[in-house]
């Protein structure tokens, strides 16, 4: 066993795919029986679409039911505000794709399963690390048949913001704070409803409405720790604000039968100061939990995974030792985009979300079209669409080679055309 990954989310699944594609023996553990969970993020940004293209998965991805968003808008009591347009981004991926995350993960793991060095264990919950002489040598997990050990040259924790393996490694994240939690629930959709996914903000309220064709997936923000108080007021305390914010749903909010129909996401914003131990690495939410602001959580996780595979695939395939100093190179590469993204999320939390939830939000009298401000739109579309440091697949598949080297250097204002690698 060369690499074992705990957690079948975007970070773990993508890392497993790129490693298996390059000939590395990899086992991916997912504690659930499937990937079907409504509270997972849905936004696939241009940077991730480019990665899918490089892996030969773009066409398959675009066959999945999805919606494209070319602009980012905010709907206030005074009307809509256009914040940015992604259309000027070069290349075919100048939009955000809204796809249920379970479809995305099914696609990634199905592709990984086509490689003989990949193994997926479902309903397998990692609960501890194997240590020998101060080095992590694998993990322990439990499934329906009992408890087991998996030994590996590298153990990767991609098991989310509540990472058990991170805790077992003695790594504690620095909490940066978030003013809200989020309630997820569904309401049926009618043909006369709006088409687009959007953010709705009003004094005292903030929510996101995601068009899933036959129903709306709604995310309603509440003050941090406020769920018990809301629940004690009865389901009308939720139905009322939803019908006022989205009047077109007024005839259907009664189908929110009770709080048993609601999933609560405890929002966290944090990051590790140290992502690794000898033989052990944290990526994705296990290394840095992201706020829902900008919807970039999936994309940061994918970038972590690609950078990890680029750095470590050669050593893992050859069996060469991976010193902890090499793992630190991954942290050095991915920490700057993490810091910058989280700083931007905190700014939005403090300037928009916190005032909105405290009933201090006032829409501007003039509804500006910020997408018409050239420099501002250029910065915004690049930040949201591509991120601070977009990663590209630089490791070739075992059975072939890329037509030319992939340049993963940072600093160009716009992305370079990259070869399709399949």
Protein backbone atom coordinates (compact mmCIF):
# COMPACT_ATOMS: atom_id res chain seq x y z
CA UNK A 1 0.00 0.00 0.00
CA UNK A 2 1.53 3.32 -1.04
CA UNK A 3 -1.04 5.98 -0.16
CA UNK A 4 -4.22 5.86 1.92
CA UNK A 5 -6.68 8.77 1.96
CA UNK A 6 -9.40 9.23 4.57
CA UNK A 7 -12.40 11.16 3.27
CA UNK A 8 -14.20 10.90 -0.07
CA UNK A 9 -14.95 14.60 -0.52
CA UNK A 10 -13.52 16.76 -3.33
CA UNK A 11 -9.98 16.84 -1.89
CA UNK A 12 -9.70 13.12 -1.21
CA UNK A 13 -11.45 11.95 -4.37
CA UNK A 14 -9.43 14.23 -6.66
CA UNK A 15 -6.13 13.31 -5.03
CA UNK A 16 -6.96 9.61 -5.36
CA UNK A 17 -7.82 10.04 -9.04
CA UNK A 18 -4.67 11.93 -10.02
CA UNK A 19 -2.43 9.55 -8.06
CA UNK A 20 -4.08 6.40 -9.46
CA UNK A 21 -3.88 7.87 -12.95
CA UNK A 22 -0.12 8.23 -12.51
CA UNK A 23 0.28 4.63 -11.35
CA UNK A 24 0.35 5.13 -7.57
CA UNK A 25 -1.34 2.50 -5.40
CA UNK A 26 -4.03 4.39 -3.51
CA UNK A 27 -6.96 3.46 -1.25
CA UNK A 28 -9.72 5.97 -0.60
CA UNK A 29 -11.94 5.54 2.48
CA UNK A 30 -15.42 7.09 2.72
CA UNK A 31 -17.35 6.58 5.94
CA UNK A 32 -20.80 6.87 4.34
CA UNK A 33 -22.55 4.41 2.03
CA UNK A 34 -22.82 7.03 -0.75
CA UNK A 35 -22.07 10.69 -1.47
CA UNK A 36 -25.70 11.84 -1.26
CA UNK A 37 -25.77 14.70 1.24
CA UNK A 38 -27.67 17.92 0.57
CA UNK A 39 -25.48 20.21 2.63
CA UNK A 40 -22.44 19.71 0.41
CA UNK A 41 -21.35 22.64 -1.76
CA UNK A 42 -22.38 22.81 -5.40
CA UNK A 43 -20.24 25.39 -7.14
CA UNK A 44 -17.63 24.22 -9.64
CA UNK A 45 -15.56 27.23 -10.67
CA UNK A 46 -13.52 27.75 -13.87
CA UNK A 47 -10.28 26.68 -12.15
CA UNK A 48 -11.81 23.27 -11.35
CA UNK A 49 -13.38 22.98 -14.79
CA UNK A 50 -9.90 23.46 -16.26
CA UNK A 51 -8.56 20.65 -14.05
CA UNK A 52 -11.36 18.38 -15.25
CA UNK A 53 -10.41 19.26 -18.83
CA UNK A 54 -6.78 18.36 -18.17
CA UNK A 55 -7.94 14.99 -16.82
CA UNK A 56 -10.11 14.34 -19.88
CA UNK A 57 -13.31 14.65 -17.82
CA UNK A 58 -14.75 17.93 -19.07
CA UNK A 59 -17.10 16.35 -21.60
CA UNK A 60 -18.39 13.82 -19.07
CA UNK A 61 -18.87 16.54 -16.49
CA UNK A 62 -20.88 18.71 -18.88
CA UNK A 63 -23.22 15.77 -19.51
CA UNK A 64 -24.30 15.95 -15.87
CA UNK A 65 -27.41 18.04 -15.14
CA UNK A 66 -26.04 21.47 -14.33
CA UNK A 67 -26.69 25.19 -14.58
CA UNK A 68 -24.19 27.81 -15.68
CA UNK A 69 -23.84 31.18 -13.96
CA UNK A 70 -21.94 33.77 -15.98
CA UNK A 71 -22.61 36.62 -13.55
CA UNK A 72 -22.67 37.08 -9.78
CA UNK A 73 -25.61 39.07 -8.48
CA UNK A 74 -27.03 40.14 -5.15
CA UNK A 75 -30.76 40.64 -4.67
CA UNK A 76 -31.69 43.22 -2.01
CA UNK A 77 -34.99 44.82 -0.99
CA UNK A 78 -34.17 47.62 -3.44
CA UNK A 79 -33.59 45.24 -6.35
CA UNK A 80 -30.74 43.31 -8.00
CA UNK A 81 -27.09 44.37 -7.97
CA UNK A 82 -24.61 42.86 -10.44
CA UNK A 83 -21.31 42.31 -8.66
CA UNK A 84 -19.19 40.71 -11.38
CA UNK A 85 -19.25 39.09 -14.81
CA UNK A 86 -17.13 36.04 -15.57
CA UNK A 87 -17.71 36.26 -19.32
CA UNK A 88 -14.40 38.04 -20.08
CA UNK A 89 -12.38 35.10 -18.69
CA UNK A 90 -10.46 33.49 -21.57
CA UNK A 91 -11.17 30.00 -22.79
CA UNK A 92 -14.34 27.93 -22.69
CA UNK A 93 -14.81 28.03 -18.91
CA UNK A 94 -16.08 31.52 -18.18
CA UNK A 95 -18.87 30.47 -15.84
CA UNK A 96 -19.60 28.76 -12.53
CA UNK A 97 -21.32 25.39 -12.89
CA UNK A 98 -23.88 24.41 -10.26
CA UNK A 99 -23.84 20.63 -9.93
CA UNK A 100 -24.93 18.51 -6.96
CA UNK A 101 -21.71 17.51 -5.26
CA UNK A 102 -22.72 13.85 -5.16
CA UNK A 103 -22.77 13.80 -8.98
CA UNK A 104 -19.33 15.42 -9.07
CA UNK A 105 -17.90 12.87 -6.62
CA UNK A 106 -19.51 9.94 -8.43
CA UNK A 107 -17.84 11.16 -11.64
CA UNK A 108 -14.41 11.50 -10.03
CA UNK A 109 -14.46 8.14 -8.26
CA UNK A 110 -15.88 6.34 -11.32
CA UNK A 111 -12.97 7.65 -13.38
CA UNK A 112 -10.49 6.66 -10.66
CA UNK A 113 -11.97 3.14 -10.65
CA UNK A 114 -10.85 2.68 -14.26
CA UNK A 115 -7.23 2.55 -13.02
CA UNK A 116 -6.00 -0.74 -11.52
CA UNK A 117 -4.11 0.94 -8.67
CA UNK A 118 -7.26 2.55 -7.17
CA UNK A 119 -9.44 1.05 -4.46
CA UNK A 120 -12.51 2.66 -2.86
CA UNK A 121 -13.82 1.47 0.50
CA UNK A 122 -17.30 2.76 1.34
CA UNK A 123 -18.75 2.68 4.86
CA UNK A 124 -15.17 2.61 6.11
CA UNK A 125 -14.55 5.10 8.92
CA UNK A 126 -10.95 6.01 9.76
CA UNK A 127 -10.57 6.50 13.50
CA UNK A 128 -6.86 6.35 14.36
CA UNK A 129 -3.31 6.49 13.00
CA UNK A 130 -0.65 3.79 13.01
CA UNK A 131 2.63 5.19 14.36
CA UNK A 132 6.04 3.59 14.46
CA UNK A 133 9.19 5.38 15.65
CA UNK A 134 7.48 8.77 15.41
CA UNK A 135 6.30 8.24 11.82
CA UNK A 136 2.72 7.67 10.66
CA UNK A 137 2.62 4.33 8.83
CA UNK A 138 -1.09 4.13 7.96
CA UNK A 139 -4.45 4.21 9.67
CA UNK A 140 -7.05 2.15 11.47
CA UNK A 141 -10.63 2.01 10.29
CA UNK A 142 -13.86 0.26 11.07
CA UNK A 143 -16.57 -1.11 8.81
CA UNK A 144 -19.45 -3.54 9.10
CA UNK A 145 -17.07 -6.46 9.50
CA UNK A 146 -15.01 -4.95 12.32
CA UNK A 147 -11.78 -3.01 12.80
CA UNK A 148 -8.86 -3.08 10.37
CA UNK A 149 -5.44 -1.59 9.68
CA UNK A 150 -4.14 -0.15 6.42
CA UNK A 151 -0.41 0.51 6.15
CA UNK A 152 0.87 3.13 3.73
CA UNK A 153 3.91 5.21 2.90
CA UNK A 154 1.71 8.32 3.07
CA UNK A 155 -1.53 8.85 5.01
CA UNK A 156 -3.67 11.79 3.95
CA UNK A 157 -6.43 13.29 6.08
CA UNK A 158 -9.13 14.68 3.79
CA UNK A 159 -11.87 13.90 6.30
CA UNK A 160 -13.31 17.37 6.58
CA UNK A 161 -13.50 20.21 9.06
CA UNK A 162 -14.12 17.80 11.94
CA UNK A 163 -11.14 15.64 10.96
CA UNK A 164 -10.59 12.74 13.34
CA UNK A 165 -7.15 11.95 11.93
CA UNK A 166 -6.04 15.56 12.30
CA UNK A 167 -6.95 15.34 15.98
CA UNK A 168 -5.14 12.02 16.35
CA UNK A 169 -2.04 13.65 14.83
CA UNK A 170 -2.20 16.38 17.48
CA UNK A 171 -2.85 19.17 14.97
CA UNK A 172 -5.23 21.90 16.17
CA UNK A 173 -6.62 24.55 13.77
CA UNK A 174 -6.56 28.25 14.49
CA UNK A 175 -10.17 29.48 14.62
CA UNK A 176 -10.83 32.67 12.64
CA UNK A 177 -14.53 32.97 13.46
CA UNK A 178 -17.79 33.01 11.52
CA UNK A 179 -20.92 34.99 12.44
CA UNK A 180 -23.42 32.49 11.04
CA UNK A 181 -24.57 28.92 10.68
CA UNK A 182 -26.60 27.74 7.68
CA UNK A 183 -29.87 25.81 7.45
CA UNK A 184 -30.35 23.67 4.32
CA UNK A 185 -33.79 22.59 3.13
CA UNK A 186 -35.86 22.01 -0.02
CA UNK A 187 -38.98 23.61 -1.48
CA UNK A 188 -40.62 22.40 -4.73
CA UNK A 189 -39.97 24.57 -7.79
CA UNK A 190 -42.64 25.80 -10.24
CA UNK A 191 -42.19 26.60 -13.93
CA UNK A 192 -43.03 30.25 -13.25
CA UNK A 193 -40.19 30.65 -10.70
CA UNK A 194 -36.98 32.52 -11.53
CA UNK A 195 -34.36 30.54 -13.43
CA UNK A 196 -31.14 31.69 -11.83
CA UNK A 197 -29.42 30.76 -8.60
CA UNK A 198 -29.02 33.89 -6.46
CA UNK A 199 -28.12 35.42 -3.12
CA UNK A 200 -30.92 37.26 -1.28
CA UNK A 201 -30.04 39.81 1.40
CA UNK A 202 -32.34 41.85 3.60
CA UNK A 203 -32.04 43.48 7.00
CA UNK A 204 -32.02 40.56 9.43
CA UNK A 205 -31.93 37.86 6.77
CA UNK A 206 -29.62 36.27 4.20
CA UNK A 207 -30.17 33.20 2.06
CA UNK A 208 -29.06 31.46 -1.12
CA UNK A 209 -31.53 29.84 -3.55
CA UNK A 210 -30.09 27.10 -5.80
CA UNK A 211 -32.17 25.98 -8.77
CA UNK A 212 -32.23 22.17 -8.87
CA UNK A 213 -34.81 22.13 -11.69
CA UNK A 214 -37.58 20.27 -9.81
CA UNK A 215 -36.91 21.94 -6.45
CA UNK A 216 -35.08 24.81 -4.78
CA UNK A 217 -32.17 23.98 -2.51
CA UNK A 218 -32.29 26.81 0.03
CA UNK A 219 -29.54 27.89 2.40
CA UNK A 220 -30.79 30.23 5.13
CA UNK A 221 -28.18 31.94 7.31
CA UNK A 222 -28.84 32.32 11.03
CA UNK A 223 -26.71 33.93 13.75
CA UNK A 224 -23.99 31.60 15.02
CA UNK A 225 -25.40 29.21 17.61
CA UNK A 226 -28.97 30.41 17.01
CA UNK A 227 -30.57 27.17 15.82
CA UNK A 228 -31.99 26.06 19.17
CA UNK A 229 -33.59 29.47 19.72
CA UNK A 230 -35.13 29.45 16.25
CA UNK A 231 -36.40 25.90 16.70
CA UNK A 232 -38.05 26.79 20.00
CA UNK A 233 -40.17 29.38 18.15
CA UNK A 234 -41.71 26.77 15.87
CA UNK A 235 -41.46 26.18 12.13
CA UNK A 236 -43.34 29.41 11.31
CA UNK A 237 -40.28 31.32 12.52
CA UNK A 238 -38.54 29.93 9.43
CA UNK A 239 -41.45 29.79 6.98
CA UNK A 240 -42.28 33.46 7.54
CA UNK A 241 -38.88 34.93 6.59
CA UNK A 242 -38.58 32.57 3.59
CA UNK A 243 -41.93 33.66 2.16
CA UNK A 244 -41.08 37.36 2.73
CA UNK A 245 -37.64 37.05 1.13
CA UNK A 246 -38.91 34.92 -1.78
CA UNK A 247 -42.59 35.81 -2.29
CA UNK A 248 -42.91 33.44 -5.26
CA UNK A 249 -42.52 30.56 -2.77
CA UNK A 250 -45.38 31.78 -0.56
CA UNK A 251 -47.74 29.03 -1.71
CA UNK A 252 -45.16 26.29 -1.00
CA UNK A 253 -43.38 27.16 2.24
CA UNK A 254 -46.01 25.09 4.05
CA UNK A 255 -44.24 22.05 2.63
CA UNK A 256 -41.41 22.75 5.07
CA UNK A 257 -43.13 20.47 7.55
CA UNK A 258 -40.80 20.87 10.50
CA UNK A 259 -37.21 21.10 11.65
CA UNK A 260 -36.71 17.42 10.96
CA UNK A 261 -36.70 18.48 7.28
CA UNK A 262 -33.78 20.85 7.97
CA UNK A 263 -30.04 20.12 7.93
CA UNK A 264 -27.84 22.53 9.86
CA UNK A 265 -24.29 23.27 8.70
CA UNK A 266 -22.12 24.67 11.48
CA UNK A 267 -20.00 27.19 9.61
CA UNK A 268 -16.32 27.26 10.51
CA UNK A 269 -13.43 29.34 9.25
CA UNK A 270 -10.07 28.04 10.40
CA UNK A 271 -6.69 26.76 9.29
CA UNK A 272 -3.83 24.70 10.59
CA UNK A 273 -0.51 26.33 11.32
CA UNK A 274 1.10 23.00 10.46
CA UNK A 275 -0.44 20.63 7.90
CA UNK A 276 1.79 17.60 8.37
CA UNK A 277 3.63 15.09 10.52
CA UNK A 278 6.17 12.53 9.29
CA UNK A 279 4.22 10.27 6.92
CA UNK A 280 1.02 12.29 7.35
CA UNK A 281 -0.62 15.23 5.54
CA UNK A 282 -3.86 17.22 5.88
CA UNK A 283 -5.54 18.80 2.84
CA UNK A 284 -8.88 20.41 2.04
CA UNK A 285 -11.18 21.23 4.95
CA UNK A 286 -9.00 19.17 7.27
CA UNK A 287 -6.26 21.76 6.71
CA UNK A 288 -8.47 24.84 6.29
CA UNK A 289 -12.23 25.05 6.76
CA UNK A 290 -13.66 27.67 4.41
CA UNK A 291 -16.70 29.87 4.88
CA UNK A 292 -19.50 29.45 2.29
CA UNK A 293 -18.67 33.00 1.10
CA UNK A 294 -17.83 32.93 -2.65
CA UNK A 295 -18.63 29.20 -2.76
CA UNK A 296 -14.95 28.32 -3.26
CA UNK A 297 -14.61 25.42 -0.81
CA UNK A 298 -14.69 22.69 -3.47
CA UNK A 299 -12.23 24.56 -5.62
CA UNK A 300 -9.67 25.16 -2.85
CA UNK A 301 -9.91 21.46 -1.99
CA UNK A 302 -9.33 20.44 -5.62
CA UNK A 303 -6.35 22.80 -5.89
CA UNK A 304 -4.84 21.23 -2.75
CA UNK A 305 -5.29 17.77 -4.23
CA UNK A 306 -3.72 18.63 -7.59
CA UNK A 307 -0.75 20.36 -5.95
CA UNK A 308 -0.24 17.35 -3.66
CA UNK A 309 -0.27 14.90 -6.57
CA UNK A 310 2.09 17.09 -8.61
CA UNK A 311 4.56 17.19 -5.73
CA UNK A 312 4.40 13.61 -4.46
CA UNK A 313 3.29 11.26 -7.26
CA UNK A 314 6.81 10.57 -8.52
CA UNK A 315 8.17 9.64 -5.10
CA UNK A 316 5.11 7.56 -4.23
CA UNK A 317 5.28 5.65 -7.50
CA UNK A 318 8.99 4.91 -7.14
CA UNK A 319 8.84 4.11 -3.45
CA UNK A 320 11.33 6.86 -2.59
CA UNK A 321 11.12 8.18 0.99
CA UNK A 322 9.09 11.35 1.46
CA UNK A 323 10.73 13.47 4.17
CA UNK A 324 8.54 15.81 6.20
CA UNK A 325 10.37 18.74 4.61
CA UNK A 326 8.80 17.73 1.29
CA UNK A 327 5.34 17.73 2.85
CA UNK A 328 6.09 21.22 4.13
CA UNK A 329 6.67 22.36 0.54
CA UNK A 330 3.01 21.57 -0.15
CA UNK A 331 1.94 23.66 2.83
CA UNK A 332 4.18 26.54 1.70
CA UNK A 333 2.59 26.45 -1.75
CA UNK A 334 -1.03 26.23 -0.61
CA UNK A 335 -0.94 28.42 2.50
CA UNK A 336 -0.82 31.81 0.65
CA UNK A 337 -4.02 31.20 -1.38
CA UNK A 338 -5.68 29.88 1.77
CA UNK A 339 -4.78 33.00 3.75
CA UNK A 340 -5.83 35.42 1.02
CA UNK A 341 -9.14 33.64 0.37
CA UNK A 342 -10.00 33.45 4.05
CA UNK A 343 -9.12 37.14 4.50
CA UNK A 344 -11.58 38.01 1.73
CA UNK A 345 -14.22 35.77 3.30
CA UNK A 346 -13.76 37.47 6.67
CA UNK A 347 -14.15 40.85 5.01
CA UNK A 348 -17.51 39.83 3.52
CA UNK A 349 -18.59 38.25 6.80
CA UNK A 350 -17.83 41.47 8.69
CA UNK A 351 -19.11 43.96 6.12
CA UNK A 352 -22.19 42.15 4.76
CA UNK A 353 -23.25 39.03 6.66
CA UNK A 354 -22.82 40.22 10.23
CA UNK A 355 -24.66 43.54 9.61
CA UNK A 356 -27.43 41.72 7.73
CA UNK A 357 -28.02 39.26 10.57
CA UNK A 358 -27.97 42.11 13.11
CA UNK A 359 -30.58 44.04 11.08
CA UNK A 360 -28.01 46.71 10.24
CA UNK A 361 -27.92 46.14 6.48
CA UNK A 362 -29.13 48.99 4.28
CA UNK A 363 -29.10 48.57 0.49
CA UNK A 364 -27.52 51.49 -1.39
CA UNK A 365 -29.95 54.01 -2.82
CA UNK A 366 -28.29 53.66 -6.20
CA UNK A 367 -27.93 50.07 -7.39
CA UNK A 368 -24.43 49.99 -8.85
CA UNK A 369 -23.39 47.66 -11.64
CA UNK A 370 -19.92 46.81 -10.36
CA UNK A 371 -19.26 44.60 -13.38
CA UNK A 372 -18.98 47.82 -15.41
CA UNK A 373 -15.96 48.99 -13.39
CA UNK A 374 -13.13 47.47 -15.48
CA UNK A 375 -10.37 47.08 -12.88
CA UNK A 376 -12.73 45.94 -10.13
CA UNK A 377 -14.42 43.38 -12.36
CA UNK A 378 -11.06 42.08 -13.59
CA UNK A 379 -9.86 41.48 -10.03
CA UNK A 380 -13.19 40.02 -8.87
CA UNK A 381 -13.68 37.63 -11.78
CA UNK A 382 -10.10 36.35 -11.48
CA UNK A 383 -10.39 35.89 -7.72
CA UNK A 384 -13.73 34.09 -7.85
CA UNK A 385 -13.23 32.24 -11.12
CA UNK A 386 -9.59 31.18 -10.91
CA UNK A 387 -8.51 31.77 -7.34
CA UNK A 388 -5.25 33.10 -5.99
CA UNK A 389 -3.05 30.24 -7.21
CA UNK A 390 -4.82 27.93 -9.67
CA UNK A 391 -3.15 24.54 -9.96
CA UNK A 392 -2.82 22.45 -13.13
CA UNK A 393 -2.23 18.73 -13.54
CA UNK A 394 1.51 18.38 -14.11
CA UNK A 395 1.85 14.63 -13.55
CA UNK A 396 1.40 12.46 -16.63
CA UNK A 397 -0.70 9.29 -16.70
CA UNK A 398 1.36 6.14 -16.34
CA UNK A 399 0.61 4.86 -19.84
CA UNK A 400 1.42 8.10 -21.66
CA UNK A 401 3.03 11.48 -21.58
CA UNK A 402 1.69 14.99 -22.05
CA UNK A 403 2.46 16.57 -25.40
CA UNK A 404 4.59 19.16 -23.62
CA UNK A 405 5.41 20.19 -20.08
CA UNK A 406 2.64 21.89 -18.13
CA UNK A 407 3.72 25.22 -16.68
CA UNK A 408 2.33 25.61 -13.16
CA UNK A 409 4.16 28.84 -12.42
CA UNK A 410 2.14 31.61 -10.81
CA UNK A 411 1.97 35.23 -11.82
CA UNK A 412 0.31 35.46 -15.24
CA UNK A 413 -2.74 37.71 -15.21
CA UNK A 414 -4.80 35.21 -17.17
CA UNK A 415 -4.46 31.40 -17.45
CA UNK A 416 -2.49 29.82 -20.26
CA UNK A 417 -3.99 27.27 -22.63
CA UNK A 418 -3.16 23.82 -21.28
CA UNK A 419 -3.13 20.54 -23.18
CA UNK A 420 -5.99 18.12 -22.67
CA UNK A 421 -4.55 15.11 -20.85
CA UNK A 422 -6.54 11.90 -20.98
